[in-house]
Amino acid sequence: MDLIGAVEDNLAELLMRMGAAGGGVQRDDGRARWTIGGSPLDYHNAVVAVDLAGADAAIAESLALMRERNVPGSWHVGPSLRPDELGPKLLSAGFEDGGSEPAMALALDELTQEPLGPAGLEIREVESEDELVVWAETLARGFGEGKLEADWVSEIYRREGFGDPWAHYLARLDGEPVATATIFRTGDVAGVYFVMTVPEARRQGIGAAITRHAVRGSNAQYAVLGASSAGKPVYERLGFRTVGEIRIYEFH
């Protein structure tokens, strides 16, 4: 399998689906693919594909739409978009380099066997709106833009409902919520998102435990994710390997 392609495709599908649920303007016509206006977050008002022959026009149109909808936005540029060609165009148009995420992947039979976290750790799939509220409150304690992001993400998940292609996980330590994770499945690929352990419970193997649990429960053949600098060593210990990178260009 083309693993970096699997990372790009799974992320693109997640962003398009969440953006649609949020009411974003969708474009998917073979020349460009984006969802803009459905989120207060730049990461989720996203351009995920473009025909490079028409890149200049697509950049101008996406910027105009972000300004019209009064939202921050982003382009997610993986290897398939030839970043050496596209990156300079985005910077010249006024986007900022938001850095890159290592794109990581593994076949599920490569998932390592490690301790399952500290004693008293319980991991369960979220199956109700009440549990989703707790999931969001937990995510807000240490992920991304905090409550703003957690509230938007959880509202999108509430609209989407529970079950395939989604699976959301909440970990409790001695009964207290301490970690989150989400699986988004496309075909035989499980994308791993929103992995977060609350600050006071970190460095106990909880992030690795909930990631492992979520990946094993996906019944997919491959798992993919975009890693933070802090998360990358954790995922490497689970058997994930870097297969490329996704660079983010941001507009505020």
C-alpha atoms as a PDB file:
ATOM      1  CA  MET A   1       0.000   0.000   0.000  1.00  0.00           C
ATOM      2  CA  ASP A   2       1.014   3.608  -0.661  1.00  0.00           C
ATOM      3  CA  LEU A   3       1.207   4.570   3.012  1.00  0.00           C
ATOM      4  CA  ILE A   4       1.834   8.289   2.612  1.00  0.00           C
ATOM      5  CA  GLY A   5      -1.046   8.362   0.159  1.00  0.00           C
ATOM      6  CA  ALA A   6      -3.188   6.608   2.769  1.00  0.00           C
ATOM      7  CA  VAL A   7      -2.310   9.308   5.328  1.00  0.00           C
ATOM      8  CA  GLU A   8      -3.201  12.083   2.891  1.00  0.00           C
ATOM      9  CA  ASP A   9      -6.437  10.439   1.774  1.00  0.00           C
ATOM     10  CA  ASN A  10      -7.692   9.623   5.277  1.00  0.00           C
ATOM     11  CA  LEU A  11      -6.974  13.141   6.532  1.00  0.00           C
ATOM     12  CA  ALA A  12      -8.641  14.685   3.485  1.00  0.00           C
ATOM     13  CA  GLU A  13     -11.769  12.584   3.968  1.00  0.00           C
ATOM     14  CA  LEU A  14     -11.921  13.473   7.673  1.00  0.00           C
ATOM     15  CA  LEU A  15     -11.578  17.199   6.998  1.00  0.00           C
ATOM     16  CA  MET A  16     -14.158  17.163   4.203  1.00  0.00           C
ATOM     17  CA  ARG A  17     -16.660  15.182   6.262  1.00  0.00           C
ATOM     18  CA  MET A  18     -16.280  17.319   9.388  1.00  0.00           C
ATOM     19  CA  GLY A  19     -16.438  20.498   7.316  1.00  0.00           C
ATOM     20  CA  ALA A  20     -19.636  19.373   5.626  1.00  0.00           C
ATOM     21  CA  ALA A  21     -21.217  18.566   8.987  1.00  0.00           C
ATOM     22  CA  GLY A  22     -20.243  22.056  10.154  1.00  0.00           C
ATOM     23  CA  GLY A  23     -21.903  23.736   7.164  1.00  0.00           C
ATOM     24  CA  GLY A  24     -18.754  24.565   5.225  1.00  0.00           C
ATOM     25  CA  VAL A  25     -18.661  25.394   1.525  1.00  0.00           C
ATOM     26  CA  GLN A  26     -17.563  22.205  -0.221  1.00  0.00           C
ATOM     27  CA  ARG A  27     -15.656  22.038  -3.483  1.00  0.00           C
ATOM     28  CA  ASP A  28     -14.639  18.762  -5.119  1.00  0.00           C
ATOM     29  CA  ASP A  29     -14.534  19.105  -8.875  1.00  0.00           C
ATOM     30  CA  GLY A  30     -11.217  17.579  -9.946  1.00  0.00           C
ATOM     31  CA  ARG A  31      -9.508  20.967 -10.025  1.00  0.00           C
ATOM     32  CA  ALA A  32      -9.574  21.614  -6.277  1.00  0.00           C
ATOM     33  CA  ARG A  33     -10.979  20.056  -3.137  1.00  0.00           C
ATOM     34  CA  TRP A  34     -11.803  22.029  -0.029  1.00  0.00           C
ATOM     35  CA  THR A  35     -14.180  22.714   2.833  1.00  0.00           C
ATOM     36  CA  ILE A  36     -14.258  26.314   4.061  1.00  0.00           C
ATOM     37  CA  GLY A  37     -16.490  28.127   6.508  1.00  0.00           C
ATOM     38  CA  GLY A  38     -17.776  25.317   8.681  1.00  0.00           C
ATOM     39  CA  SER A  39     -15.354  25.746  11.554  1.00  0.00           C
ATOM     40  CA  PRO A  40     -13.819  28.464  13.742  1.00  0.00           C
ATOM     41  CA  LEU A  41     -10.483  26.635  13.419  1.00  0.00           C
ATOM     42  CA  ASP A  42      -7.943  27.264  10.665  1.00  0.00           C
ATOM     43  CA  TYR A  43      -6.960  23.582  10.521  1.00  0.00           C
ATOM     44  CA  HIS A  44     -10.509  22.541   9.589  1.00  0.00           C
ATOM     45  CA  ASN A  45     -11.221  25.221   6.960  1.00  0.00           C
ATOM     46  CA  ALA A  46      -8.993  23.257   4.685  1.00  0.00           C
ATOM     47  CA  VAL A  47      -7.824  22.896   1.117  1.00  0.00           C
ATOM     48  CA  VAL A  48      -6.767  19.266   0.696  1.00  0.00           C
ATOM     49  CA  ALA A  49      -6.173  18.824  -3.046  1.00  0.00           C
ATOM     50  CA  VAL A  50      -5.524  20.904  -6.148  1.00  0.00           C
ATOM     51  CA  ASP A  51      -4.627  20.490  -9.804  1.00  0.00           C
ATOM     52  CA  LEU A  52      -1.257  22.206  -9.831  1.00  0.00           C
ATOM     53  CA  ALA A  53      -1.906  23.601 -13.306  1.00  0.00           C
ATOM     54  CA  GLY A  54      -4.640  25.741 -11.777  1.00  0.00           C
ATOM     55  CA  ALA A  55      -3.010  26.334  -8.402  1.00  0.00           C
ATOM     56  CA  ASP A  56      -2.788  30.129  -8.669  1.00  0.00           C
ATOM     57  CA  ALA A  57      -6.516  30.451  -9.315  1.00  0.00           C
ATOM     58  CA  ALA A  58      -7.367  27.964  -6.559  1.00  0.00           C
ATOM     59  CA  ILE A  59      -5.220  29.857  -4.050  1.00  0.00           C
ATOM     60  CA  ALA A  60      -6.941  33.141  -4.903  1.00  0.00           C
ATOM     61  CA  GLU A  61     -10.417  31.576  -4.767  1.00  0.00           C
ATOM     62  CA  SER A  62      -9.781  29.866  -1.433  1.00  0.00           C
ATOM     63  CA  LEU A  63      -8.483  33.097   0.092  1.00  0.00           C
ATOM     64  CA  ALA A  64     -11.488  35.014  -1.154  1.00  0.00           C
ATOM     65  CA  LEU A  65     -13.822  32.425   0.377  1.00  0.00           C
ATOM     66  CA  MET A  66     -12.013  32.508   3.732  1.00  0.00           C
ATOM     67  CA  ARG A  67     -12.348  36.298   3.798  1.00  0.00           C
ATOM     68  CA  GLU A  68     -15.996  36.143   2.706  1.00  0.00           C
ATOM     69  CA  ARG A  69     -16.839  33.628   5.443  1.00  0.00           C
ATOM     70  CA  ASN A  70     -14.603  35.496   7.936  1.00  0.00           C
ATOM     71  CA  VAL A  71     -12.709  32.378   9.013  1.00  0.00           C
ATOM     72  CA  PRO A  72      -9.053  31.399   9.320  1.00  0.00           C
ATOM     73  CA  GLY A  73      -8.020  28.627   6.976  1.00  0.00           C
ATOM     74  CA  SER A  74      -5.277  26.321   5.801  1.00  0.00           C
ATOM     75  CA  TRP A  75      -3.822  24.275   2.975  1.00  0.00           C
ATOM     76  CA  HIS A  76      -2.675  20.750   3.833  1.00  0.00           C
ATOM     77  CA  VAL A  77       0.230  19.999   1.522  1.00  0.00           C
ATOM     78  CA  GLY A  78       1.494  16.431   1.354  1.00  0.00           C
ATOM     79  CA  PRO A  79       3.876  14.847  -1.148  1.00  0.00           C
ATOM     80  CA  SER A  80       1.142  14.364  -3.759  1.00  0.00           C
ATOM     81  CA  LEU A  81       0.779  18.156  -4.007  1.00  0.00           C
ATOM     82  CA  ARG A  82       4.486  18.643  -4.747  1.00  0.00           C
ATOM     83  CA  PRO A  83       5.224  21.031  -1.856  1.00  0.00           C
ATOM     84  CA  ASP A  84       8.380  22.406  -3.476  1.00  0.00           C
ATOM     85  CA  GLU A  85       6.177  23.914  -6.190  1.00  0.00           C
ATOM     86  CA  LEU A  86       3.071  24.783  -4.203  1.00  0.00           C
ATOM     87  CA  GLY A  87       4.663  26.093  -0.997  1.00  0.00           C
ATOM     88  CA  PRO A  88       6.257  29.214  -2.510  1.00  0.00           C
ATOM     89  CA  LYS A  89       2.994  30.099  -4.243  1.00  0.00           C
ATOM     90  CA  LEU A  90       1.092  29.941  -0.946  1.00  0.00           C
ATOM     91  CA  LEU A  91       3.676  32.047   0.865  1.00  0.00           C
ATOM     92  CA  SER A  92       3.613  34.653  -1.897  1.00  0.00           C
ATOM     93  CA  ALA A  93      -0.178  34.829  -1.649  1.00  0.00           C
ATOM     94  CA  GLY A  94      -0.057  35.628   2.064  1.00  0.00           C
ATOM     95  CA  PHE A  95      -0.259  32.262   3.755  1.00  0.00           C
ATOM     96  CA  GLU A  96       2.119  31.516   6.613  1.00  0.00           C
ATOM     97  CA  ASP A  97       4.168  28.349   7.058  1.00  0.00           C
ATOM     98  CA  GLY A  98       2.481  26.600   9.991  1.00  0.00           C
ATOM     99  CA  GLY A  99       5.044  23.825  10.190  1.00  0.00           C
ATOM    100  CA  SER A 100       4.760  20.167   9.361  1.00  0.00           C
ATOM    101  CA  GLU A 101       3.341  17.011  10.888  1.00  0.00           C
ATOM    102  CA  PRO A 102       5.231  13.730  10.499  1.00  0.00           C
ATOM    103  CA  ALA A 103       2.918  11.350   8.657  1.00  0.00           C
ATOM    104  CA  MET A 104       3.138   7.947  10.334  1.00  0.00           C
ATOM    105  CA  ALA A 105       1.691   4.533   9.510  1.00  0.00           C
ATOM    106  CA  LEU A 106       1.774   0.863  10.394  1.00  0.00           C
ATOM    107  CA  ALA A 107       0.205  -2.402   9.346  1.00  0.00           C
ATOM    108  CA  LEU A 108      -1.834  -3.686  12.282  1.00  0.00           C
ATOM    109  CA  ASP A 109       0.263  -6.834  12.564  1.00  0.00           C
ATOM    110  CA  GLU A 110       3.231  -4.525  13.291  1.00  0.00           C
ATOM    111  CA  LEU A 111       1.572  -3.045  16.395  1.00  0.00           C
ATOM    112  CA  THR A 112       3.884  -3.748  19.322  1.00  0.00           C
ATOM    113  CA  GLN A 113       2.915  -5.411  22.576  1.00  0.00           C
ATOM    114  CA  GLU A 114       3.537  -3.007  25.445  1.00  0.00           C
ATOM    115  CA  PRO A 115       2.181  -2.564  28.976  1.00  0.00           C
ATOM    116  CA  LEU A 116      -1.411  -1.340  28.937  1.00  0.00           C
ATOM    117  CA  GLY A 117      -0.817   1.748  31.085  1.00  0.00           C
ATOM    118  CA  PRO A 118      -0.993   2.134  34.847  1.00  0.00           C
ATOM    119  CA  ALA A 119      -3.150   0.073  37.178  1.00  0.00           C
ATOM    120  CA  GLY A 120      -6.635   1.500  37.396  1.00  0.00           C
ATOM    121  CA  LEU A 121      -6.750   2.576  33.725  1.00  0.00           C
ATOM    122  CA  GLU A 122     -10.016   1.781  31.919  1.00  0.00           C
ATOM    123  CA  ILE A 123     -10.610   2.580  28.229  1.00  0.00           C
ATOM    124  CA  ARG A 124     -14.100   2.520  26.746  1.00  0.00           C
ATOM    125  CA  GLU A 125     -15.702   3.577  23.480  1.00  0.00           C
ATOM    126  CA  VAL A 126     -17.987   6.610  23.682  1.00  0.00           C
ATOM    127  CA  GLU A 127     -21.526   5.514  22.849  1.00  0.00           C
ATOM    128  CA  SER A 128     -23.829   8.292  24.048  1.00  0.00           C
ATOM    129  CA  GLU A 129     -24.140  12.072  23.984  1.00  0.00           C
ATOM    130  CA  ASP A 130     -23.576  12.216  27.747  1.00  0.00           C
ATOM    131  CA  GLU A 131     -20.280  10.357  27.350  1.00  0.00           C
ATOM    132  CA  LEU A 132     -19.370  12.648  24.433  1.00  0.00           C
ATOM    133  CA  VAL A 133     -19.763  15.647  26.751  1.00  0.00           C
ATOM    134  CA  VAL A 134     -17.202  14.113  29.127  1.00  0.00           C
ATOM    135  CA  TRP A 135     -14.938  13.283  26.157  1.00  0.00           C
ATOM    136  CA  ALA A 136     -15.044  16.939  25.047  1.00  0.00           C
ATOM    137  CA  GLU A 137     -14.417  18.276  28.545  1.00  0.00           C
ATOM    138  CA  THR A 138     -11.376  16.024  28.756  1.00  0.00           C
ATOM    139  CA  LEU A 139     -10.062  17.028  25.325  1.00  0.00           C
ATOM    140  CA  ALA A 140     -10.391  20.702  26.265  1.00  0.00           C
ATOM    141  CA  ARG A 141      -7.948  20.255  29.127  1.00  0.00           C
ATOM    142  CA  GLY A 142      -4.913  19.783  26.902  1.00  0.00           C
ATOM    143  CA  PHE A 143      -5.497  19.666  23.142  1.00  0.00           C
ATOM    144  CA  GLY A 144      -5.021  22.320  20.487  1.00  0.00           C
ATOM    145  CA  GLU A 145      -7.135  25.415  21.054  1.00  0.00           C
ATOM    146  CA  GLY A 146      -8.708  24.058  24.198  1.00  0.00           C
ATOM    147  CA  LYS A 147     -12.427  24.544  24.797  1.00  0.00           C
ATOM    148  CA  LEU A 148     -13.043  26.255  21.438  1.00  0.00           C
ATOM    149  CA  GLU A 149     -11.727  23.252  19.537  1.00  0.00           C
ATOM    150  CA  ALA A 150     -13.206  20.634  21.850  1.00  0.00           C
ATOM    151  CA  ASP A 151     -16.685  22.182  21.687  1.00  0.00           C
ATOM    152  CA  TRP A 152     -16.670  22.388  17.887  1.00  0.00           C
ATOM    153  CA  VAL A 153     -15.285  18.888  17.397  1.00  0.00           C
ATOM    154  CA  SER A 154     -17.752  17.319  19.807  1.00  0.00           C
ATOM    155  CA  GLU A 155     -20.693  19.131  18.187  1.00  0.00           C
ATOM    156  CA  ILE A 156     -19.625  17.740  14.812  1.00  0.00           C
ATOM    157  CA  TYR A 157     -19.402  14.248  16.301  1.00  0.00           C
ATOM    158  CA  ARG A 158     -22.828  14.669  17.863  1.00  0.00           C
ATOM    159  CA  ARG A 159     -24.251  15.538  14.453  1.00  0.00           C
ATOM    160  CA  GLU A 160     -22.435  12.647  12.817  1.00  0.00           C
ATOM    161  CA  GLY A 161     -23.719  10.098  15.332  1.00  0.00           C
ATOM    162  CA  PHE A 162     -21.937   7.080  16.738  1.00  0.00           C
ATOM    163  CA  GLY A 163     -20.581   4.089  14.855  1.00  0.00           C
ATOM    164  CA  ASP A 164     -18.718   3.463  11.618  1.00  0.00           C
ATOM    165  CA  PRO A 165     -16.687   5.273  10.307  1.00  0.00           C
ATOM    166  CA  TRP A 166     -16.199   6.878  13.740  1.00  0.00           C
ATOM    167  CA  ALA A 167     -15.062   5.478  17.070  1.00  0.00           C
ATOM    168  CA  HIS A 168     -14.264   7.776  19.993  1.00  0.00           C
ATOM    169  CA  TYR A 169     -12.472   6.549  23.111  1.00  0.00           C
ATOM    170  CA  LEU A 170     -12.251   7.883  26.645  1.00  0.00           C
ATOM    171  CA  ALA A 171      -9.745   6.638  29.225  1.00  0.00           C
ATOM    172  CA  ARG A 172     -10.338   6.913  32.954  1.00  0.00           C
ATOM    173  CA  LEU A 173      -7.727   6.453  35.651  1.00  0.00           C
ATOM    174  CA  ASP A 174      -9.230   5.389  38.961  1.00  0.00           C
ATOM    175  CA  GLY A 175     -12.552   6.639  37.621  1.00  0.00           C
ATOM    176  CA  GLU A 176     -11.330  10.077  36.511  1.00  0.00           C
ATOM    177  CA  PRO A 177     -11.297  10.995  32.776  1.00  0.00           C
ATOM    178  CA  VAL A 178      -7.694  11.404  31.619  1.00  0.00           C
ATOM    179  CA  ALA A 179      -7.349  10.747  27.870  1.00  0.00           C
ATOM    180  CA  THR A 180      -9.118  10.791  24.502  1.00  0.00           C
ATOM    181  CA  ALA A 181      -8.705   9.339  21.022  1.00  0.00           C
ATOM    182  CA  THR A 182     -10.748   9.078  17.840  1.00  0.00           C
ATOM    183  CA  ILE A 183     -10.648   6.617  14.942  1.00  0.00           C
ATOM    184  CA  PHE A 184     -11.886   7.625  11.487  1.00  0.00           C
ATOM    185  CA  ARG A 185     -11.981   4.698   9.107  1.00  0.00           C
ATOM    186  CA  THR A 186     -11.735   4.821   5.310  1.00  0.00           C
ATOM    187  CA  GLY A 187     -11.756   1.356   3.766  1.00  0.00           C
ATOM    188  CA  ASP A 188      -8.957  -0.700   5.300  1.00  0.00           C
ATOM    189  CA  VAL A 189      -7.308   2.373   6.852  1.00  0.00           C
ATOM    190  CA  ALA A 190      -7.928   3.648  10.382  1.00  0.00           C
ATOM    191  CA  GLY A 191      -6.908   7.265  10.960  1.00  0.00           C
ATOM    192  CA  VAL A 192      -5.984   8.114  14.550  1.00  0.00           C
ATOM    193  CA  TYR A 193      -6.947  11.620  15.730  1.00  0.00           C
ATOM    194  CA  PHE A 194      -7.410  13.708  18.885  1.00  0.00           C
ATOM    195  CA  VAL A 195      -5.063  11.633  21.039  1.00  0.00           C
ATOM    196  CA  MET A 196      -4.605  13.622  24.234  1.00  0.00           C
ATOM    197  CA  THR A 197      -3.719  12.902  27.847  1.00  0.00           C
ATOM    198  CA  VAL A 198      -4.489  15.565  30.453  1.00  0.00           C
ATOM    199  CA  PRO A 199      -1.274  17.258  31.637  1.00  0.00           C
ATOM    200  CA  GLU A 200      -1.339  15.911  35.201  1.00  0.00           C
ATOM    201  CA  ALA A 201      -1.607  12.285  34.004  1.00  0.00           C
ATOM    202  CA  ARG A 202       1.138  12.283  31.358  1.00  0.00           C
ATOM    203  CA  ARG A 203       4.287  10.121  31.288  1.00  0.00           C
ATOM    204  CA  GLN A 204       2.480   7.030  32.524  1.00  0.00           C
ATOM    205  CA  GLY A 205       1.930   5.325  29.178  1.00  0.00           C
ATOM    206  CA  ILE A 206      -1.720   6.372  28.960  1.00  0.00           C
ATOM    207  CA  GLY A 207      -1.422   7.928  25.503  1.00  0.00           C
ATOM    208  CA  ALA A 208       0.199   4.774  24.163  1.00  0.00           C
ATOM    209  CA  ALA A 209      -2.449   2.621  25.826  1.00  0.00           C
ATOM    210  CA  ILE A 210      -5.440   4.473  24.395  1.00  0.00           C
ATOM    211  CA  THR A 211      -3.847   4.642  20.935  1.00  0.00           C
ATOM    212  CA  ARG A 212      -3.141   0.905  20.969  1.00  0.00           C
ATOM    213  CA  HIS A 213      -6.654   0.132  22.198  1.00  0.00           C
ATOM    214  CA  ALA A 214      -8.238   2.325  19.510  1.00  0.00           C
ATOM    215  CA  VAL A 215      -6.127   0.892  16.692  1.00  0.00           C
ATOM    216  CA  ARG A 216      -6.784  -2.693  17.750  1.00  0.00           C
ATOM    217  CA  GLY A 217     -10.508  -2.023  17.903  1.00  0.00           C
ATOM    218  CA  SER A 218     -10.624  -0.577  14.385  1.00  0.00           C
ATOM    219  CA  ASN A 219     -10.446  -3.949  12.564  1.00  0.00           C
ATOM    220  CA  ALA A 220      -8.553  -2.162   9.795  1.00  0.00           C
ATOM    221  CA  GLN A 221      -5.436  -3.411   8.035  1.00  0.00           C
ATOM    222  CA  TYR A 222      -3.470  -0.191   8.432  1.00  0.00           C
ATOM    223  CA  ALA A 223      -3.392   2.701  10.895  1.00  0.00           C
ATOM    224  CA  VAL A 224      -2.228   6.223  10.009  1.00  0.00           C
ATOM    225  CA  LEU A 225      -1.772   9.497  11.859  1.00  0.00           C
ATOM    226  CA  GLY A 226      -0.129  12.893  11.903  1.00  0.00           C
ATOM    227  CA  ALA A 227       2.135  13.192  14.919  1.00  0.00           C
ATOM    228  CA  SER A 228       3.093  16.072  17.158  1.00  0.00           C
ATOM    229  CA  SER A 229       6.719  16.339  18.251  1.00  0.00           C
ATOM    230  CA  ALA A 230       5.747  15.072  21.707  1.00  0.00           C
ATOM    231  CA  GLY A 231       3.654  12.216  20.339  1.00  0.00           C
ATOM    232  CA  LYS A 232       6.105  10.932  17.721  1.00  0.00           C
ATOM    233  CA  PRO A 233       8.290   8.883  20.133  1.00  0.00           C
ATOM    234  CA  VAL A 234       5.157   7.356  21.673  1.00  0.00           C
ATOM    235  CA  TYR A 235       3.896   6.222  18.283  1.00  0.00           C
ATOM    236  CA  GLU A 236       7.314   4.909  17.287  1.00  0.00           C
ATOM    237  CA  ARG A 237       7.305   2.647  20.335  1.00  0.00           C
ATOM    238  CA  LEU A 238       3.964   1.268  19.151  1.00  0.00           C
ATOM    239  CA  GLY A 239       5.462   0.391  15.764  1.00  0.00           C
ATOM    240  CA  PHE A 240       4.450   3.405  13.687  1.00  0.00           C
ATOM    241  CA  ARG A 241       7.075   4.679  11.268  1.00  0.00           C
ATOM    242  CA  THR A 242       7.374   8.009   9.485  1.00  0.00           C
ATOM    243  CA  VAL A 243       6.389   7.747   5.819  1.00  0.00           C
ATOM    244  CA  GLY A 244       6.426  11.444   4.895  1.00  0.00           C
ATOM    245  CA  GLU A 245       5.132  14.760   6.146  1.00  0.00           C
ATOM    246  CA  ILE A 246       2.123  17.023   5.773  1.00  0.00           C
ATOM    247  CA  ARG A 247       2.988  20.725   5.767  1.00  0.00           C
ATOM    248  CA  ILE A 248       0.355  23.202   6.868  1.00  0.00           C
ATOM    249  CA  TYR A 249       0.045  26.690   5.375  1.00  0.00           C
ATOM    250  CA  GLU A 250      -2.203  28.970   7.423  1.00  0.00           C
ATOM    251  CA  PHE A 251      -4.255  32.088   6.772  1.00  0.00           C
ATOM    252  CA  HIS A 252      -5.434  34.224   9.723  1.00  0.00           C
END
